[in-house]
């Protein structure tokens, strides 16, 4: 395992089903990308050589409500970009595993585990 990045629950404006003004979505995207980059650096994950990486997403939803795993992955796209920026690996090298649902926590959280593929 290379490391784990812990992120807050992605905002609803990043959902592919959200109908928001383009500027609102752009601001949410920029914020999520920046925050994921900083969280990756804070987790101590260094710059890596370009290589295939397996990303496992474990999510703690904010409620027991049913969620669409594909929608969650779409909401995390800016976070994946931020991680890619921080480690210096193009996100085309990421193999993203199907998300794993964990117990709900207040406000929700997402853990992204990076491993060599």
N, C-alpha and C. Protein backbone atom coordinates (compact mmCIF):
# COMPACT_ATOMS: atom_id res chain seq x y z
N UNK A 1 0.84 -1.18 0.00
CA UNK A 1 0.00 0.00 0.00
C UNK A 1 0.88 1.25 0.00
N UNK A 2 0.51 2.20 -0.82
CA UNK A 2 1.26 3.45 -0.90
C UNK A 2 0.77 4.43 0.16
N UNK A 3 -0.53 4.51 0.36
CA UNK A 3 -1.07 5.42 1.37
C UNK A 3 -2.58 5.56 1.27
N UNK A 4 -3.14 6.30 2.23
CA UNK A 4 -4.58 6.55 2.29
C UNK A 4 -4.84 8.03 2.38
N UNK A 5 -5.81 8.49 1.61
CA UNK A 5 -6.22 9.89 1.63
C UNK A 5 -7.64 9.94 2.18
N UNK A 6 -7.84 10.73 3.22
CA UNK A 6 -9.16 10.88 3.84
C UNK A 6 -9.74 12.22 3.38
N UNK A 7 -10.95 12.16 2.84
CA UNK A 7 -11.60 13.35 2.31
C UNK A 7 -12.99 13.52 2.91
N UNK A 8 -13.49 14.75 2.94
CA UNK A 8 -14.87 14.96 3.36
C UNK A 8 -15.83 14.43 2.30
N UNK A 9 -17.09 14.29 2.67
CA UNK A 9 -18.10 13.84 1.73
C UNK A 9 -18.19 14.84 0.57
N UNK A 10 -18.22 14.37 -0.68
CA UNK A 10 -18.27 15.30 -1.81
C UNK A 10 -19.59 16.09 -1.84
N UNK A 11 -19.50 17.35 -2.18
CA UNK A 11 -20.67 18.22 -2.19
C UNK A 11 -21.63 17.82 -3.31
N UNK A 12 -22.91 18.12 -3.10
CA UNK A 12 -23.94 17.73 -4.07
C UNK A 12 -23.78 18.43 -5.41
N UNK A 13 -23.11 19.57 -5.45
CA UNK A 13 -22.91 20.29 -6.71
C UNK A 13 -22.03 19.51 -7.70
N UNK A 14 -21.29 18.52 -7.21
CA UNK A 14 -20.43 17.71 -8.07
C UNK A 14 -21.17 16.50 -8.66
N UNK A 15 -22.39 16.29 -8.24
CA UNK A 15 -23.16 15.16 -8.76
C UNK A 15 -23.50 15.38 -10.23
N UNK A 16 -23.41 14.31 -11.03
CA UNK A 16 -23.81 14.46 -12.43
C UNK A 16 -25.30 14.77 -12.57
N UNK A 17 -26.07 14.51 -11.52
CA UNK A 17 -27.51 14.80 -11.55
C UNK A 17 -27.83 16.21 -11.09
N UNK A 18 -26.85 16.95 -10.60
CA UNK A 18 -27.09 18.30 -10.09
C UNK A 18 -27.35 19.25 -11.25
N UNK A 19 -28.29 20.12 -11.06
CA UNK A 19 -28.60 21.15 -12.06
C UNK A 19 -28.24 22.50 -11.45
N UNK A 20 -26.96 22.82 -11.55
CA UNK A 20 -26.47 24.07 -10.97
C UNK A 20 -25.79 24.91 -12.05
N UNK A 21 -25.67 26.18 -11.77
CA UNK A 21 -24.98 27.09 -12.69
C UNK A 21 -23.55 26.62 -12.88
N UNK A 22 -23.03 26.80 -14.10
CA UNK A 22 -21.68 26.30 -14.40
C UNK A 22 -20.62 26.89 -13.47
N UNK A 23 -20.79 28.14 -13.04
CA UNK A 23 -19.79 28.77 -12.17
C UNK A 23 -19.80 28.13 -10.78
N UNK A 24 -20.96 27.73 -10.31
CA UNK A 24 -21.08 27.06 -9.01
C UNK A 24 -20.37 25.71 -9.08
N UNK A 25 -20.61 24.98 -10.17
CA UNK A 25 -19.96 23.67 -10.33
C UNK A 25 -18.45 23.83 -10.48
N UNK A 26 -18.03 24.86 -11.22
CA UNK A 26 -16.60 25.09 -11.42
C UNK A 26 -15.91 25.39 -10.09
N UNK A 27 -16.55 26.18 -9.23
CA UNK A 27 -15.98 26.51 -7.92
C UNK A 27 -15.90 25.26 -7.04
N UNK A 28 -16.94 24.43 -7.07
CA UNK A 28 -16.94 23.19 -6.28
C UNK A 28 -15.86 22.24 -6.78
N UNK A 29 -15.69 22.17 -8.10
CA UNK A 29 -14.66 21.30 -8.69
C UNK A 29 -13.27 21.76 -8.29
N UNK A 30 -13.02 23.05 -8.38
CA UNK A 30 -11.70 23.59 -8.02
C UNK A 30 -11.40 23.34 -6.55
N UNK A 31 -12.38 23.57 -5.69
CA UNK A 31 -12.20 23.36 -4.25
C UNK A 31 -11.90 21.89 -3.94
N UNK A 32 -12.67 20.98 -4.53
CA UNK A 32 -12.46 19.55 -4.27
C UNK A 32 -11.09 19.09 -4.76
N UNK A 33 -10.68 19.58 -5.92
CA UNK A 33 -9.37 19.20 -6.47
C UNK A 33 -8.24 19.71 -5.58
N UNK A 34 -8.33 20.96 -5.16
CA UNK A 34 -7.31 21.55 -4.31
C UNK A 34 -7.24 20.84 -2.96
N UNK A 35 -8.40 20.61 -2.34
CA UNK A 35 -8.44 19.94 -1.04
C UNK A 35 -7.88 18.53 -1.10
N UNK A 36 -8.17 17.80 -2.18
CA UNK A 36 -7.65 16.44 -2.32
C UNK A 36 -6.13 16.45 -2.50
N UNK A 37 -5.62 17.44 -3.21
CA UNK A 37 -4.16 17.56 -3.37
C UNK A 37 -3.49 17.79 -2.03
N UNK A 38 -4.05 18.71 -1.26
CA UNK A 38 -3.47 18.99 0.07
C UNK A 38 -3.61 17.80 1.01
N UNK A 39 -4.75 17.09 0.94
CA UNK A 39 -4.94 15.92 1.80
C UNK A 39 -3.94 14.82 1.43
N UNK A 40 -3.61 14.70 0.15
CA UNK A 40 -2.62 13.71 -0.30
C UNK A 40 -1.25 14.05 0.26
N UNK A 41 -0.89 15.32 0.19
CA UNK A 41 0.40 15.75 0.74
C UNK A 41 0.44 15.56 2.25
N UNK A 42 -0.68 15.89 2.91
CA UNK A 42 -0.76 15.74 4.37
C UNK A 42 -0.66 14.26 4.79
N UNK A 43 -1.11 13.36 3.91
CA UNK A 43 -1.03 11.92 4.20
C UNK A 43 0.38 11.39 4.01
N UNK A 44 1.30 12.24 3.52
CA UNK A 44 2.69 11.83 3.36
C UNK A 44 2.96 11.02 2.12
N UNK A 45 2.08 11.10 1.15
CA UNK A 45 2.27 10.34 -0.09
C UNK A 45 3.18 11.17 -1.00
N UNK A 46 4.33 10.63 -1.37
CA UNK A 46 5.30 11.40 -2.16
C UNK A 46 4.97 11.40 -3.65
N UNK A 47 5.74 12.17 -4.42
CA UNK A 47 5.67 12.09 -5.88
C UNK A 47 6.08 10.68 -6.27
N UNK A 48 5.42 10.12 -7.26
CA UNK A 48 5.68 8.74 -7.68
C UNK A 48 6.05 8.71 -9.15
N UNK A 49 6.79 7.68 -9.55
CA UNK A 49 7.03 7.51 -10.98
C UNK A 49 5.71 7.14 -11.66
N UNK A 50 5.61 7.42 -12.94
CA UNK A 50 4.39 7.10 -13.67
C UNK A 50 4.22 5.58 -13.73
N UNK A 51 3.19 5.09 -13.06
CA UNK A 51 2.93 3.65 -13.02
C UNK A 51 1.45 3.43 -12.76
N UNK A 52 0.92 2.27 -13.12
CA UNK A 52 -0.48 1.98 -12.84
C UNK A 52 -0.72 1.90 -11.33
N UNK A 53 -1.80 2.55 -10.89
CA UNK A 53 -2.17 2.54 -9.47
C UNK A 53 -3.61 2.07 -9.31
N UNK A 54 -3.84 1.28 -8.28
CA UNK A 54 -5.19 0.84 -7.94
C UNK A 54 -5.71 1.76 -6.84
N UNK A 55 -6.89 2.34 -7.06
CA UNK A 55 -7.52 3.18 -6.06
C UNK A 55 -8.77 2.48 -5.54
N UNK A 56 -8.82 2.30 -4.23
CA UNK A 56 -9.99 1.69 -3.59
C UNK A 56 -10.68 2.78 -2.79
N UNK A 57 -11.95 2.99 -3.08
CA UNK A 57 -12.74 4.02 -2.41
C UNK A 57 -13.62 3.34 -1.36
N UNK A 58 -13.43 3.72 -0.11
CA UNK A 58 -14.29 3.26 0.98
C UNK A 58 -15.03 4.48 1.48
N UNK A 59 -16.35 4.42 1.46
CA UNK A 59 -17.10 5.61 1.84
C UNK A 59 -18.00 5.36 3.04
N UNK A 60 -18.04 6.36 3.90
CA UNK A 60 -18.93 6.39 5.05
C UNK A 60 -19.98 7.45 4.73
N UNK A 61 -21.17 7.04 4.29
CA UNK A 61 -22.17 8.02 3.90
C UNK A 61 -22.67 8.82 5.10
N UNK A 62 -23.27 9.99 4.85
CA UNK A 62 -23.79 10.79 5.94
C UNK A 62 -25.10 10.26 6.52
N UNK A 63 -25.73 9.29 5.85
CA UNK A 63 -26.98 8.70 6.35
C UNK A 63 -27.09 7.27 5.83
N UNK A 64 -28.13 6.58 6.25
CA UNK A 64 -28.36 5.20 5.82
C UNK A 64 -29.09 5.12 4.47
N UNK A 65 -29.37 6.25 3.90
CA UNK A 65 -30.06 6.33 2.61
C UNK A 65 -29.29 5.56 1.54
N UNK A 66 -30.01 4.94 0.62
CA UNK A 66 -29.36 4.23 -0.48
C UNK A 66 -28.65 5.23 -1.39
N UNK A 67 -27.46 4.85 -1.85
CA UNK A 67 -26.68 5.71 -2.72
C UNK A 67 -26.24 4.94 -3.95
N UNK A 68 -26.06 5.66 -5.03
CA UNK A 68 -25.57 5.09 -6.28
C UNK A 68 -24.05 5.19 -6.28
N UNK A 69 -23.37 4.04 -6.30
CA UNK A 69 -21.91 4.02 -6.26
C UNK A 69 -21.28 4.71 -7.46
N UNK A 70 -21.89 4.58 -8.64
CA UNK A 70 -21.36 5.25 -9.83
C UNK A 70 -21.43 6.76 -9.70
N UNK A 71 -22.51 7.24 -9.09
CA UNK A 71 -22.66 8.68 -8.88
C UNK A 71 -21.58 9.18 -7.92
N UNK A 72 -21.28 8.39 -6.90
CA UNK A 72 -20.22 8.78 -5.96
C UNK A 72 -18.88 8.88 -6.68
N UNK A 73 -18.56 7.91 -7.51
CA UNK A 73 -17.29 7.95 -8.25
C UNK A 73 -17.24 9.20 -9.14
N UNK A 74 -18.36 9.54 -9.77
CA UNK A 74 -18.41 10.75 -10.59
C UNK A 74 -18.17 12.01 -9.75
N UNK A 75 -18.74 12.03 -8.56
CA UNK A 75 -18.55 13.17 -7.66
C UNK A 75 -17.09 13.30 -7.22
N UNK A 76 -16.36 12.19 -7.21
CA UNK A 76 -14.98 12.18 -6.75
C UNK A 76 -13.97 12.48 -7.86
N UNK A 77 -14.41 12.66 -9.10
CA UNK A 77 -13.49 12.92 -10.21
C UNK A 77 -12.54 14.07 -9.91
N UNK A 78 -13.00 15.22 -9.40
CA UNK A 78 -12.04 16.30 -9.08
C UNK A 78 -11.04 15.88 -8.00
N UNK A 79 -11.47 15.04 -7.06
CA UNK A 79 -10.55 14.56 -6.02
C UNK A 79 -9.47 13.67 -6.63
N UNK A 80 -9.86 12.81 -7.56
CA UNK A 80 -8.87 11.97 -8.24
C UNK A 80 -7.86 12.84 -8.98
N UNK A 81 -8.34 13.91 -9.60
CA UNK A 81 -7.44 14.84 -10.30
C UNK A 81 -6.47 15.50 -9.32
N UNK A 82 -6.98 15.88 -8.15
CA UNK A 82 -6.13 16.50 -7.13
C UNK A 82 -5.07 15.53 -6.62
N UNK A 83 -5.44 14.28 -6.44
CA UNK A 83 -4.47 13.26 -6.02
C UNK A 83 -3.42 13.08 -7.11
N UNK A 84 -3.87 13.02 -8.36
CA UNK A 84 -2.94 12.86 -9.48
C UNK A 84 -1.96 14.04 -9.53
N UNK A 85 -2.46 15.25 -9.33
CA UNK A 85 -1.60 16.44 -9.30
C UNK A 85 -0.53 16.31 -8.21
N UNK A 86 -0.97 15.87 -7.03
CA UNK A 86 -0.07 15.82 -5.87
C UNK A 86 1.02 14.77 -6.01
N UNK A 87 0.70 13.63 -6.65
CA UNK A 87 1.69 12.55 -6.74
C UNK A 87 2.42 12.54 -8.08
N UNK A 88 1.98 13.38 -9.02
CA UNK A 88 2.68 13.47 -10.29
C UNK A 88 2.43 12.30 -11.23
N UNK A 89 1.29 11.64 -11.07
CA UNK A 89 0.93 10.51 -11.94
C UNK A 89 -0.36 10.89 -12.67
N UNK A 90 -0.37 10.71 -13.99
CA UNK A 90 -1.57 11.01 -14.77
C UNK A 90 -2.71 10.10 -14.32
N UNK A 91 -3.91 10.68 -14.16
CA UNK A 91 -5.02 9.88 -13.65
C UNK A 91 -5.49 8.81 -14.65
N UNK A 92 -4.97 8.81 -15.86
CA UNK A 92 -5.29 7.72 -16.78
C UNK A 92 -4.64 6.41 -16.31
N UNK A 93 -3.68 6.50 -15.40
CA UNK A 93 -3.01 5.32 -14.84
C UNK A 93 -3.79 4.71 -13.67
N UNK A 94 -4.88 5.37 -13.24
CA UNK A 94 -5.66 4.90 -12.10
C UNK A 94 -6.62 3.79 -12.52
N UNK A 95 -6.63 2.71 -11.74
CA UNK A 95 -7.64 1.67 -11.88
C UNK A 95 -8.52 1.81 -10.65
N UNK A 96 -9.72 2.34 -10.84
CA UNK A 96 -10.60 2.63 -9.71
C UNK A 96 -11.51 1.44 -9.47
N UNK A 97 -11.37 0.86 -8.29
CA UNK A 97 -12.17 -0.30 -7.90
C UNK A 97 -13.60 0.14 -7.57
N UNK A 98 -14.58 -0.79 -7.63
CA UNK A 98 -15.93 -0.44 -7.20
C UNK A 98 -15.91 0.04 -5.74
N UNK A 99 -16.69 1.07 -5.42
CA UNK A 99 -16.64 1.62 -4.06
C UNK A 99 -17.17 0.63 -3.01
N UNK A 100 -16.63 0.74 -1.82
CA UNK A 100 -17.02 -0.10 -0.68
C UNK A 100 -17.77 0.78 0.31
N UNK A 101 -18.97 0.35 0.65
CA UNK A 101 -19.79 1.11 1.61
C UNK A 101 -19.45 0.67 3.03
N UNK A 102 -19.17 1.64 3.89
CA UNK A 102 -18.92 1.38 5.31
C UNK A 102 -20.07 2.01 6.12
N UNK A 103 -19.95 1.98 7.42
CA UNK A 103 -21.00 2.52 8.29
C UNK A 103 -21.13 4.04 8.11
N UNK A 104 -22.36 4.54 8.21
CA UNK A 104 -22.55 6.00 8.12
C UNK A 104 -21.86 6.72 9.28
N UNK A 105 -21.36 7.92 8.99
CA UNK A 105 -20.80 8.80 10.02
C UNK A 105 -21.38 10.20 9.80
N UNK A 106 -21.39 10.97 10.85
CA UNK A 106 -21.92 12.33 10.74
C UNK A 106 -21.15 13.11 9.69
N UNK A 107 -21.85 13.72 8.77
CA UNK A 107 -21.32 14.53 7.66
C UNK A 107 -20.68 13.69 6.56
N UNK A 108 -20.47 12.38 6.75
CA UNK A 108 -19.91 11.51 5.73
C UNK A 108 -18.41 11.69 5.56
N UNK A 109 -17.76 10.72 4.96
CA UNK A 109 -16.32 10.76 4.71
C UNK A 109 -15.97 9.75 3.62
N UNK A 110 -14.84 9.97 2.99
CA UNK A 110 -14.36 9.08 1.93
C UNK A 110 -12.88 8.79 2.18
N UNK A 111 -12.52 7.50 2.11
CA UNK A 111 -11.11 7.11 2.23
C UNK A 111 -10.70 6.51 0.89
N UNK A 112 -9.64 7.04 0.31
CA UNK A 112 -9.12 6.53 -0.95
C UNK A 112 -7.75 5.90 -0.68
N UNK A 113 -7.67 4.60 -0.91
CA UNK A 113 -6.43 3.85 -0.68
C UNK A 113 -5.70 3.68 -2.01
N UNK A 114 -4.42 4.06 -2.03
CA UNK A 114 -3.61 3.93 -3.24
C UNK A 114 -2.67 2.74 -3.08
N UNK A 115 -2.65 1.89 -4.12
CA UNK A 115 -1.76 0.73 -4.13
C UNK A 115 -1.17 0.59 -5.53
N UNK A 116 -0.06 -0.09 -5.62
CA UNK A 116 0.51 -0.40 -6.92
C UNK A 116 -0.39 -1.43 -7.58
N UNK A 117 -0.77 -1.19 -8.83
CA UNK A 117 -1.70 -2.12 -9.53
C UNK A 117 -0.96 -3.35 -10.00
